Amino acid sequence: MPLTPAAGGALLTIRVTPKASRARLGEAATDAAGKPVLKAWVTAPPADGAANRALIELVSDALDLPKCDIEIRRGLSDRTKTLFIEGDAGELAKRLEKALG
């Protein structure tokens, strides 16, 4: 699972594809280095932070959390990003599983 507990919340590793036909979260996969990542697609282009804002909104909606509880910790200009999500890691894992359903 690409979600790992961290102090005050959890870290979620996501592989983002910008300029998709529709925004959605996909399945968990492994990247080239063998690390687990969650696939995501956003409709926004990767310019001026639009795709990053769209990703935060997508994850916020999927987990039913305020956007202010989610921040990009690594990968601001990369397709693979690490998000910090504030909250109980166990509860966040349940919400993510439900969202991926």
PDB file of N, CA and C in Angstrom:
ATOM      1  N   MET A   1       0.846  -1.182   0.000  1.00  0.00           N
ATOM      2  CA  MET A   1       0.000   0.000   0.000  1.00  0.00           C
ATOM      3  C   MET A   1       0.890   1.242   0.000  1.00  0.00           C
ATOM      4  N   PRO A   2       0.590   2.218  -0.834  1.00  0.00           N
ATOM      5  CA  PRO A   2       1.415   3.427  -0.914  1.00  0.00           C
ATOM      6  C   PRO A   2       1.182   4.419   0.225  1.00  0.00           C
ATOM      7  N   LEU A   3       0.383   4.050   1.225  1.00  0.00           N
ATOM      8  CA  LEU A   3       0.113   4.921   2.375  1.00  0.00           C
ATOM      9  C   LEU A   3       0.904   4.404   3.569  1.00  0.00           C
ATOM     10  N   THR A   4       1.747   5.262   4.149  1.00  0.00           N
ATOM     11  CA  THR A   4       2.538   4.856   5.298  1.00  0.00           C
ATOM     12  C   THR A   4       2.318   5.832   6.447  1.00  0.00           C
ATOM     13  N   PRO A   5       2.237   5.327   7.677  1.00  0.00           N
ATOM     14  CA  PRO A   5       2.048   6.217   8.829  1.00  0.00           C
ATOM     15  C   PRO A   5       3.219   7.172   8.993  1.00  0.00           C
ATOM     16  N   ALA A   6       2.911   8.365   9.468  1.00  0.00           N
ATOM     17  CA  ALA A   6       3.922   9.383   9.766  1.00  0.00           C
ATOM     18  C   ALA A   6       3.442  10.160  10.978  1.00  0.00           C
ATOM     19  N   ALA A   7       4.315  10.925  11.581  1.00  0.00           N
ATOM     20  CA  ALA A   7       3.949  11.717  12.754  1.00  0.00           C
ATOM     21  C   ALA A   7       2.837  12.697  12.396  1.00  0.00           C
ATOM     22  N   GLY A   8       1.680  12.536  13.033  1.00  0.00           N
ATOM     23  CA  GLY A   8       0.557  13.440  12.799  1.00  0.00           C
ATOM     24  C   GLY A   8      -0.312  13.094  11.615  1.00  0.00           C
ATOM     25  N   GLY A   9      -0.018  11.995  10.928  1.00  0.00           N
ATOM     26  CA  GLY A   9      -0.827  11.638   9.762  1.00  0.00           C
ATOM     27  C   GLY A   9      -0.234  10.481   8.992  1.00  0.00           C
ATOM     28  N   ALA A  10      -0.235  10.608   7.670  1.00  0.00           N
ATOM     29  CA  ALA A  10       0.276   9.552   6.810  1.00  0.00           C
ATOM     30  C   ALA A  10       0.875  10.167   5.552  1.00  0.00           C
ATOM     31  N   LEU A  11       1.793   9.428   4.936  1.00  0.00           N
ATOM     32  CA  LEU A  11       2.389   9.829   3.676  1.00  0.00           C
ATOM     33  C   LEU A  11       1.811   8.951   2.576  1.00  0.00           C
ATOM     34  N   LEU A  12       1.412   9.573   1.486  1.00  0.00           N
ATOM     35  CA  LEU A  12       0.833   8.866   0.350  1.00  0.00           C
ATOM     36  C   LEU A  12       1.665   9.169  -0.882  1.00  0.00           C
ATOM     37  N   THR A  13       2.195   8.123  -1.518  1.00  0.00           N
ATOM     38  CA  THR A  13       2.974   8.287  -2.733  1.00  0.00           C
ATOM     39  C   THR A  13       2.060   8.091  -3.927  1.00  0.00           C
ATOM     40  N   ILE A  14       2.046   9.088  -4.820  1.00  0.00           N
ATOM     41  CA  ILE A  14       1.130   9.081  -5.965  1.00  0.00           C
ATOM     42  C   ILE A  14       1.899   9.333  -7.252  1.00  0.00           C
ATOM     43  N   ARG A  15       1.541   8.624  -8.300  1.00  0.00           N
ATOM     44  CA  ARG A  15       2.069   8.851  -9.652  1.00  0.00           C
ATOM     45  C   ARG A  15       0.958   9.535 -10.438  1.00  0.00           C
ATOM     46  N   VAL A  16       1.173  10.797 -10.805  1.00  0.00           N
ATOM     47  CA  VAL A  16       0.134  11.626 -11.425  1.00  0.00           C
ATOM     48  C   VAL A  16       0.307  11.712 -12.939  1.00  0.00           C
ATOM     49  N   THR A  17      -0.809  11.597 -13.641  1.00  0.00           N
ATOM     50  CA  THR A  17      -0.831  11.846 -15.072  1.00  0.00           C
ATOM     51  C   THR A  17      -1.696  13.077 -15.305  1.00  0.00           C
ATOM     52  N   PRO A  18      -1.081  14.195 -15.734  1.00  0.00           N
ATOM     53  CA  PRO A  18      -1.857  15.413 -15.991  1.00  0.00           C
ATOM     54  C   PRO A  18      -2.529  15.373 -17.356  1.00  0.00           C
ATOM     55  N   LYS A  19      -3.405  16.324 -17.605  1.00  0.00           N
ATOM     56  CA  LYS A  19      -4.121  16.490 -18.876  1.00  0.00           C
ATOM     57  C   LYS A  19      -4.898  15.235 -19.295  1.00  0.00           C
ATOM     58  N   ALA A  20      -5.474  14.544 -18.329  1.00  0.00           N
ATOM     59  CA  ALA A  20      -6.278  13.357 -18.607  1.00  0.00           C
ATOM     60  C   ALA A  20      -7.686  13.788 -19.013  1.00  0.00           C
ATOM     61  N   SER A  21      -8.443  12.883 -19.591  1.00  0.00           N
ATOM     62  CA  SER A  21      -9.806  13.210 -20.009  1.00  0.00           C
ATOM     63  C   SER A  21     -10.746  13.366 -18.818  1.00  0.00           C
ATOM     64  N   ARG A  22     -10.425  12.691 -17.698  1.00  0.00           N
ATOM     65  CA  ARG A  22     -11.208  12.869 -16.475  1.00  0.00           C
ATOM     66  C   ARG A  22     -10.317  12.621 -15.269  1.00  0.00           C
ATOM     67  N   ALA A  23     -10.661  13.251 -14.155  1.00  0.00           N
ATOM     68  CA  ALA A  23      -9.886  13.110 -12.922  1.00  0.00           C
ATOM     69  C   ALA A  23     -10.359  11.876 -12.165  1.00  0.00           C
ATOM     70  N   ARG A  24      -9.395  11.088 -11.701  1.00  0.00           N
ATOM     71  CA  ARG A  24      -9.749   9.901 -10.927  1.00  0.00           C
ATOM     72  C   ARG A  24      -8.518   9.320 -10.253  1.00  0.00           C
ATOM     73  N   LEU A  25      -8.773   8.532  -9.213  1.00  0.00           N
ATOM     74  CA  LEU A  25      -7.731   7.753  -8.562  1.00  0.00           C
ATOM     75  C   LEU A  25      -7.789   6.352  -9.139  1.00  0.00           C
ATOM     76  N   GLY A  26      -6.627   5.757  -9.329  1.00  0.00           N
ATOM     77  CA  GLY A  26      -6.561   4.406  -9.882  1.00  0.00           C
ATOM     78  C   GLY A  26      -6.125   3.403  -8.837  1.00  0.00           C
ATOM     79  N   GLU A  27      -5.522   2.342  -9.310  1.00  0.00           N
ATOM     80  CA  GLU A  27      -5.098   1.278  -8.416  1.00  0.00           C
ATOM     81  C   GLU A  27      -3.670   1.518  -7.935  1.00  0.00           C
ATOM     82  N   ALA A  28      -3.310   0.800  -6.902  1.00  0.00           N
ATOM     83  CA  ALA A  28      -1.937   0.834  -6.415  1.00  0.00           C
ATOM     84  C   ALA A  28      -1.078   0.016  -7.370  1.00  0.00           C
ATOM     85  N   ALA A  29       0.125   0.489  -7.608  1.00  0.00           N
ATOM     86  CA  ALA A  29       1.059  -0.191  -8.503  1.00  0.00           C
ATOM     87  C   ALA A  29       2.453  -0.034  -7.914  1.00  0.00           C
ATOM     88  N   THR A  30       3.458  -0.487  -8.633  1.00  0.00           N
ATOM     89  CA  THR A  30       4.840  -0.280  -8.204  1.00  0.00           C
ATOM     90  C   THR A  30       5.549   0.545  -9.265  1.00  0.00           C
ATOM     91  N   ASP A  31       6.434   1.436  -8.824  1.00  0.00           N
ATOM     92  CA  ASP A  31       7.179   2.256  -9.770  1.00  0.00           C
ATOM     93  C   ASP A  31       8.414   1.487 -10.253  1.00  0.00           C
ATOM     94  N   ALA A  32       9.233   2.137 -11.051  1.00  0.00           N
ATOM     95  CA  ALA A  32      10.415   1.484 -11.618  1.00  0.00           C
ATOM     96  C   ALA A  32      11.397   1.005 -10.547  1.00  0.00           C
ATOM     97  N   ALA A  33      11.390   1.677  -9.399  1.00  0.00           N
ATOM     98  CA  ALA A  33      12.276   1.290  -8.299  1.00  0.00           C
ATOM     99  C   ALA A  33      11.663   0.214  -7.411  1.00  0.00           C
ATOM    100  N   GLY A  34      10.442  -0.207  -7.720  1.00  0.00           N
ATOM    101  CA  GLY A  34       9.772  -1.242  -6.941  1.00  0.00           C
ATOM    102  C   GLY A  34       9.012  -0.728  -5.738  1.00  0.00           C
ATOM    103  N   LYS A  35       8.849   0.593  -5.631  1.00  0.00           N
ATOM    104  CA  LYS A  35       8.116   1.175  -4.504  1.00  0.00           C
ATOM    105  C   LYS A  35       6.635   1.292  -4.845  1.00  0.00           C
ATOM    106  N   PRO A  36       5.754   1.090  -3.861  1.00  0.00           N
ATOM    107  CA  PRO A  36       4.319   1.199  -4.131  1.00  0.00           C
ATOM    108  C   PRO A  36       3.897   2.651  -4.367  1.00  0.00           C
ATOM    109  N   VAL A  37       3.060   2.853  -5.373  1.00  0.00           N
ATOM    110  CA  VAL A  37       2.505   4.170  -5.686  1.00  0.00           C
ATOM    111  C   VAL A  37       1.029   4.005  -6.029  1.00  0.00           C
ATOM    112  N   LEU A  38       0.276   5.056  -5.824  1.00  0.00           N
ATOM    113  CA  LEU A  38      -1.124   5.080  -6.217  1.00  0.00           C
ATOM    114  C   LEU A  38      -1.200   5.870  -7.513  1.00  0.00           C
ATOM    115  N   LYS A  39      -1.859   5.338  -8.510  1.00  0.00           N
ATOM    116  CA  LYS A  39      -1.997   6.047  -9.773  1.00  0.00           C
ATOM    117  C   LYS A  39      -3.143   7.051  -9.672  1.00  0.00           C
ATOM    118  N   ALA A  40      -2.930   8.224 -10.284  1.00  0.00           N
ATOM    119  CA  ALA A  40      -3.963   9.258 -10.292  1.00  0.00           C
ATOM    120  C   ALA A  40      -3.901  10.013 -11.611  1.00  0.00           C
ATOM    121  N   TRP A  41      -5.052  10.481 -12.044  1.00  0.00           N
ATOM    122  CA  TRP A  41      -5.163  11.272 -13.262  1.00  0.00           C
ATOM    123  C   TRP A  41      -5.895  12.563 -12.929  1.00  0.00           C
ATOM    124  N   VAL A  42      -5.388  13.674 -13.435  1.00  0.00           N
ATOM    125  CA  VAL A  42      -6.045  14.969 -13.263  1.00  0.00           C
ATOM    126  C   VAL A  42      -6.193  15.618 -14.632  1.00  0.00           C
ATOM    127  N   THR A  43      -7.207  16.450 -14.770  1.00  0.00           N
ATOM    128  CA  THR A  43      -7.466  17.094 -16.063  1.00  0.00           C
ATOM    129  C   THR A  43      -6.608  18.336 -16.269  1.00  0.00           C
ATOM    130  N   ALA A  44      -6.061  18.878 -15.210  1.00  0.00           N
ATOM    131  CA  ALA A  44      -5.270  20.111 -15.287  1.00  0.00           C
ATOM    132  C   ALA A  44      -3.916  19.863 -15.948  1.00  0.00           C
ATOM    133  N   PRO A  45      -3.380  20.878 -16.626  1.00  0.00           N
ATOM    134  CA  PRO A  45      -2.048  20.751 -17.222  1.00  0.00           C
ATOM    135  C   PRO A  45      -0.967  20.919 -16.153  1.00  0.00           C
ATOM    136  N   PRO A  46       0.241  20.433 -16.441  1.00  0.00           N
ATOM    137  CA  PRO A  46       1.320  20.543 -15.462  1.00  0.00           C
ATOM    138  C   PRO A  46       2.023  21.901 -15.533  1.00  0.00           C
ATOM    139  N   ALA A  47       1.264  22.966 -15.521  1.00  0.00           N
ATOM    140  CA  ALA A  47       1.839  24.311 -15.612  1.00  0.00           C
ATOM    141  C   ALA A  47       1.337  25.167 -14.453  1.00  0.00           C
ATOM    142  N   ASP A  48       2.221  25.971 -13.910  1.00  0.00           N
ATOM    143  CA  ASP A  48       1.874  26.913 -12.841  1.00  0.00           C
ATOM    144  C   ASP A  48       1.227  26.246 -11.627  1.00  0.00           C
ATOM    145  N   GLY A  49       1.552  24.994 -11.370  1.00  0.00           N
ATOM    146  CA  GLY A  49       1.016  24.304 -10.203  1.00  0.00           C
ATOM    147  C   GLY A  49      -0.428  23.837 -10.330  1.00  0.00           C
ATOM    148  N   ALA A  50      -1.008  23.950 -11.526  1.00  0.00           N
ATOM    149  CA  ALA A  50      -2.415  23.584 -11.714  1.00  0.00           C
ATOM    150  C   ALA A  50      -2.653  22.095 -11.440  1.00  0.00           C
ATOM    151  N   ALA A  51      -1.762  21.241 -11.916  1.00  0.00           N
ATOM    152  CA  ALA A  51      -1.931  19.798 -11.698  1.00  0.00           C
ATOM    153  C   ALA A  51      -1.784  19.462 -10.215  1.00  0.00           C
ATOM    154  N   ASN A  52      -0.878  20.142  -9.521  1.00  0.00           N
ATOM    155  CA  ASN A  52      -0.716  19.907  -8.077  1.00  0.00           C
ATOM    156  C   ASN A  52      -1.972  20.292  -7.319  1.00  0.00           C
ATOM    157  N   ARG A  53      -2.537  21.452  -7.655  1.00  0.00           N
ATOM    158  CA  ARG A  53      -3.781  21.881  -6.986  1.00  0.00           C
ATOM    159  C   ARG A  53      -4.918  20.909  -7.299  1.00  0.00           C
ATOM    160  N   ALA A  54      -4.991  20.445  -8.537  1.00  0.00           N
ATOM    161  CA  ALA A  54      -6.035  19.487  -8.921  1.00  0.00           C
ATOM    162  C   ALA A  54      -5.862  18.162  -8.185  1.00  0.00           C
ATOM    163  N   LEU A  55      -4.620  17.734  -7.994  1.00  0.00           N
ATOM    164  CA  LEU A  55      -4.360  16.490  -7.265  1.00  0.00           C
ATOM    165  C   LEU A  55      -4.813  16.615  -5.817  1.00  0.00           C
ATOM    166  N   ILE A  56      -4.473  17.726  -5.170  1.00  0.00           N
ATOM    167  CA  ILE A  56      -4.892  17.923  -3.778  1.00  0.00           C
ATOM    168  C   ILE A  56      -6.413  17.938  -3.686  1.00  0.00           C
ATOM    169  N   GLU A  57      -7.072  18.575  -4.629  1.00  0.00           N
ATOM    170  CA  GLU A  57      -8.535  18.595  -4.625  1.00  0.00           C
ATOM    171  C   GLU A  57      -9.107  17.196  -4.830  1.00  0.00           C
ATOM    172  N   LEU A  58      -8.514  16.421  -5.735  1.00  0.00           N
ATOM    173  CA  LEU A  58      -8.966  15.055  -6.002  1.00  0.00           C
ATOM    174  C   LEU A  58      -8.839  14.182  -4.751  1.00  0.00           C
ATOM    175  N   VAL A  59      -7.695  14.228  -4.092  1.00  0.00           N
ATOM    176  CA  VAL A  59      -7.473  13.419  -2.890  1.00  0.00           C
ATOM    177  C   VAL A  59      -8.380  13.903  -1.752  1.00  0.00           C
ATOM    178  N   SER A  60      -8.530  15.213  -1.644  1.00  0.00           N
ATOM    179  CA  SER A  60      -9.411  15.792  -0.629  1.00  0.00           C
ATOM    180  C   SER A  60     -10.842  15.282  -0.791  1.00  0.00           C
ATOM    181  N   ASP A  61     -11.348  15.305  -2.009  1.00  0.00           N
ATOM    182  CA  ASP A  61     -12.705  14.821  -2.276  1.00  0.00           C
ATOM    183  C   ASP A  61     -12.827  13.321  -2.026  1.00  0.00           C
ATOM    184  N   ALA A  62     -11.831  12.563  -2.462  1.00  0.00           N
ATOM    185  CA  ALA A  62     -11.882  11.100  -2.316  1.00  0.00           C
ATOM    186  C   ALA A  62     -11.867  10.671  -0.849  1.00  0.00           C
ATOM    187  N   LEU A  63     -11.096  11.382  -0.028  1.00  0.00           N
ATOM    188  CA  LEU A  63     -10.976  11.016   1.383  1.00  0.00           C
ATOM    189  C   LEU A  63     -11.920  11.804   2.277  1.00  0.00           C
ATOM    190  N   ASP A  64     -12.694  12.699   1.694  1.00  0.00           N
ATOM    191  CA  ASP A  64     -13.632  13.544   2.432  1.00  0.00           C
ATOM    192  C   ASP A  64     -12.915  14.315   3.544  1.00  0.00           C
ATOM    193  N   LEU A  65     -11.855  15.018   3.128  1.00  0.00           N
ATOM    194  CA  LEU A  65     -11.047  15.824   4.040  1.00  0.00           C
ATOM    195  C   LEU A  65     -10.924  17.235   3.487  1.00  0.00           C
ATOM    196  N   PRO A  66     -10.693  18.215   4.354  1.00  0.00           N
ATOM    197  CA  PRO A  66     -10.430  19.562   3.837  1.00  0.00           C
ATOM    198  C   PRO A  66      -9.073  19.604   3.122  1.00  0.00           C
ATOM    199  N   LYS A  67      -8.989  20.419   2.083  1.00  0.00           N
ATOM    200  CA  LYS A  67      -7.749  20.535   1.316  1.00  0.00           C
ATOM    201  C   LYS A  67      -6.580  20.984   2.186  1.00  0.00           C
ATOM    202  N   CYS A  68      -6.862  21.757   3.227  1.00  0.00           N
ATOM    203  CA  CYS A  68      -5.781  22.252   4.087  1.00  0.00           C
ATOM    204  C   CYS A  68      -5.108  21.125   4.878  1.00  0.00           C
ATOM    205  N   ASP A  69      -5.712  19.931   4.922  1.00  0.00           N
ATOM    206  CA  ASP A  69      -5.115  18.788   5.620  1.00  0.00           C
ATOM    207  C   ASP A  69      -4.148  18.004   4.740  1.00  0.00           C
ATOM    208  N   ILE A  70      -3.967  18.448   3.495  1.00  0.00           N
ATOM    209  CA  ILE A  70      -3.134  17.725   2.533  1.00  0.00           C
ATOM    210  C   ILE A  70      -2.084  18.676   1.980  1.00  0.00           C
ATOM    211  N   GLU A  71      -0.838  18.221   1.974  1.00  0.00           N
ATOM    212  CA  GLU A  71       0.220  19.039   1.381  1.00  0.00           C
ATOM    213  C   GLU A  71       1.205  18.152   0.633  1.00  0.00           C
ATOM    214  N   ILE A  72       1.804  18.704  -0.398  1.00  0.00           N
ATOM    215  CA  ILE A  72       2.814  17.972  -1.160  1.00  0.00           C
ATOM    216  C   ILE A  72       4.150  18.158  -0.459  1.00  0.00           C
ATOM    217  N   ARG A  73       4.730  17.045  -0.019  1.00  0.00           N
ATOM    218  CA  ARG A  73       6.007  17.102   0.701  1.00  0.00           C
ATOM    219  C   ARG A  73       7.191  16.908  -0.248  1.00  0.00           C
ATOM    220  N   ARG A  74       7.006  16.103  -1.284  1.00  0.00           N
ATOM    221  CA  ARG A  74       8.067  15.832  -2.254  1.00  0.00           C
ATOM    222  C   ARG A  74       7.474  15.735  -3.648  1.00  0.00           C
ATOM    223  N   GLY A  75       8.230  16.215  -4.640  1.00  0.00           N
ATOM    224  CA  GLY A  75       7.819  16.039  -6.024  1.00  0.00           C
ATOM    225  C   GLY A  75       6.974  17.152  -6.594  1.00  0.00           C
ATOM    226  N   LEU A  76       7.166  18.384  -6.152  1.00  0.00           N
ATOM    227  CA  LEU A  76       6.361  19.494  -6.674  1.00  0.00           C
ATOM    228  C   LEU A  76       6.408  19.582  -8.194  1.00  0.00           C
ATOM    229  N   SER A  77       7.557  19.291  -8.795  1.00  0.00           N
ATOM    230  CA  SER A  77       7.674  19.373 -10.246  1.00  0.00           C
ATOM    231  C   SER A  77       7.895  18.007 -10.884  1.00  0.00           C
ATOM    232  N   ASP A  78       7.579  16.962 -10.154  1.00  0.00           N
ATOM    233  CA  ASP A  78       7.755  15.585 -10.598  1.00  0.00           C
ATOM    234  C   ASP A  78       6.392  14.932 -10.794  1.00  0.00           C
ATOM    235  N   ARG A  79       6.333  13.862 -11.572  1.00  0.00           N
ATOM    236  CA  ARG A  79       5.068  13.131 -11.703  1.00  0.00           C
ATOM    237  C   ARG A  79       4.795  12.267 -10.477  1.00  0.00           C
ATOM    238  N   THR A  80       5.852  11.817  -9.808  1.00  0.00           N
ATOM    239  CA  THR A  80       5.687  11.043  -8.586  1.00  0.00           C
ATOM    240  C   THR A  80       5.793  12.001  -7.407  1.00  0.00           C
ATOM    241  N   LYS A  81       4.759  12.017  -6.583  1.00  0.00           N
ATOM    242  CA  LYS A  81       4.662  12.966  -5.482  1.00  0.00           C
ATOM    243  C   LYS A  81       4.415  12.230  -4.170  1.00  0.00           C
ATOM    244  N   THR A  82       4.886  12.820  -3.096  1.00  0.00           N
ATOM    245  CA  THR A  82       4.579  12.316  -1.759  1.00  0.00           C
ATOM    246  C   THR A  82       3.724  13.359  -1.068  1.00  0.00           C
ATOM    247  N   LEU A  83       2.512  12.957  -0.709  1.00  0.00           N
ATOM    248  CA  LEU A  83       1.587  13.840  -0.017  1.00  0.00           C
ATOM    249  C   LEU A  83       1.598  13.512   1.465  1.00  0.00           C
ATOM    250  N   PHE A  84       1.549  14.547   2.297  1.00  0.00           N
ATOM    251  CA  PHE A  84       1.323  14.350   3.722  1.00  0.00           C
ATOM    252  C   PHE A  84      -0.142  14.642   3.977  1.00  0.00           C
ATOM    253  N   ILE A  85      -0.827  13.697   4.620  1.00  0.00           N
ATOM    254  CA  ILE A  85      -2.243  13.856   4.934  1.00  0.00           C
ATOM    255  C   ILE A  85      -2.376  13.835   6.443  1.00  0.00           C
ATOM    256  N   GLU A  86      -2.905  14.913   6.977  1.00  0.00           N
ATOM    257  CA  GLU A  86      -3.059  15.052   8.423  1.00  0.00           C
ATOM    258  C   GLU A  86      -4.224  14.191   8.910  1.00  0.00           C
ATOM    259  N   GLY A  87      -4.024  13.513  10.041  1.00  0.00           N
ATOM    260  CA  GLY A  87      -5.086  12.707  10.630  1.00  0.00           C
ATOM    261  C   GLY A  87      -4.556  11.384  11.139  1.00  0.00           C
ATOM    262  N   ASP A  88      -5.465  10.535  11.591  1.00  0.00           N
ATOM    263  CA  ASP A  88      -5.121   9.216  12.085  1.00  0.00           C
ATOM    264  C   ASP A  88      -4.809   8.301  10.899  1.00  0.00           C
ATOM    265  N   ALA A  89      -3.622   7.706  10.883  1.00  0.00           N
ATOM    266  CA  ALA A  89      -3.185   6.886   9.749  1.00  0.00           C
ATOM    267  C   ALA A  89      -4.126   5.704   9.484  1.00  0.00           C
ATOM    268  N   GLY A  90      -4.622   5.079  10.548  1.00  0.00           N
ATOM    269  CA  GLY A  90      -5.542   3.950  10.378  1.00  0.00           C
ATOM    270  C   GLY A  90      -6.842   4.380   9.721  1.00  0.00           C
ATOM    271  N   GLU A  91      -7.382   5.506  10.172  1.00  0.00           N
ATOM    272  CA  GLU A  91      -8.618   6.037   9.594  1.00  0.00           C
ATOM    273  C   GLU A  91      -8.398   6.464   8.144  1.00  0.00           C
ATOM    274  N   LEU A  92      -7.247   7.064   7.866  1.00  0.00           N
ATOM    275  CA  LEU A  92      -6.945   7.480   6.493  1.00  0.00           C
ATOM    276  C   LEU A  92      -6.835   6.274   5.570  1.00  0.00           C
ATOM    277  N   ALA A  93      -6.241   5.186   6.062  1.00  0.00           N
ATOM    278  CA  ALA A  93      -6.132   3.960   5.264  1.00  0.00           C
ATOM    279  C   ALA A  93      -7.521   3.407   4.940  1.00  0.00           C
ATOM    280  N   LYS A  94      -8.422   3.433   5.921  1.00  0.00           N
ATOM    281  CA  LYS A  94      -9.794   2.965   5.684  1.00  0.00           C
ATOM    282  C   LYS A  94     -10.499   3.828   4.647  1.00  0.00           C
ATOM    283  N   ARG A  95     -10.326   5.147   4.768  1.00  0.00           N
ATOM    284  CA  ARG A  95     -10.948   6.062   3.806  1.00  0.00           C
ATOM    285  C   ARG A  95     -10.411   5.849   2.400  1.00  0.00           C
ATOM    286  N   LEU A  96      -9.098   5.603   2.297  1.00  0.00           N
ATOM    287  CA  LEU A  96      -8.499   5.380   0.988  1.00  0.00           C
ATOM    288  C   LEU A  96      -9.004   4.084   0.376  1.00  0.00           C
ATOM    289  N   GLU A  97      -9.065   3.022   1.165  1.00  0.00           N
ATOM    290  CA  GLU A  97      -9.599   1.757   0.667  1.00  0.00           C
ATOM    291  C   GLU A  97     -11.032   1.900   0.175  1.00  0.00           C
ATOM    292  N   LYS A  98     -11.832   2.640   0.930  1.00  0.00           N
ATOM    293  CA  LYS A  98     -13.229   2.874   0.548  1.00  0.00           C
ATOM    294  C   LYS A  98     -13.299   3.683  -0.756  1.00  0.00           C
ATOM    295  N   ALA A  99     -12.436   4.686  -0.884  1.00  0.00           N
ATOM    296  CA  ALA A  99     -12.430   5.522  -2.087  1.00  0.00           C
ATOM    297  C   ALA A  99     -12.019   4.735  -3.320  1.00  0.00           C
ATOM    298  N   LEU A 100     -11.114   3.795  -3.140  1.00  0.00           N
ATOM    299  CA  LEU A 100     -10.647   2.977  -4.269  1.00  0.00           C
ATOM    300  C   LEU A 100     -11.597   1.819  -4.571  1.00  0.00           C
ATOM    301  N   GLY A 101     -12.448   1.521  -3.590  1.00  0.00           N
ATOM    302  CA  GLY A 101     -13.504   0.562  -3.606  1.00  0.00           C
ATOM    303  C   GLY A 101     -13.516  -0.557  -4.466  1.00  0.00           C
TER     304      GLY A 101
END
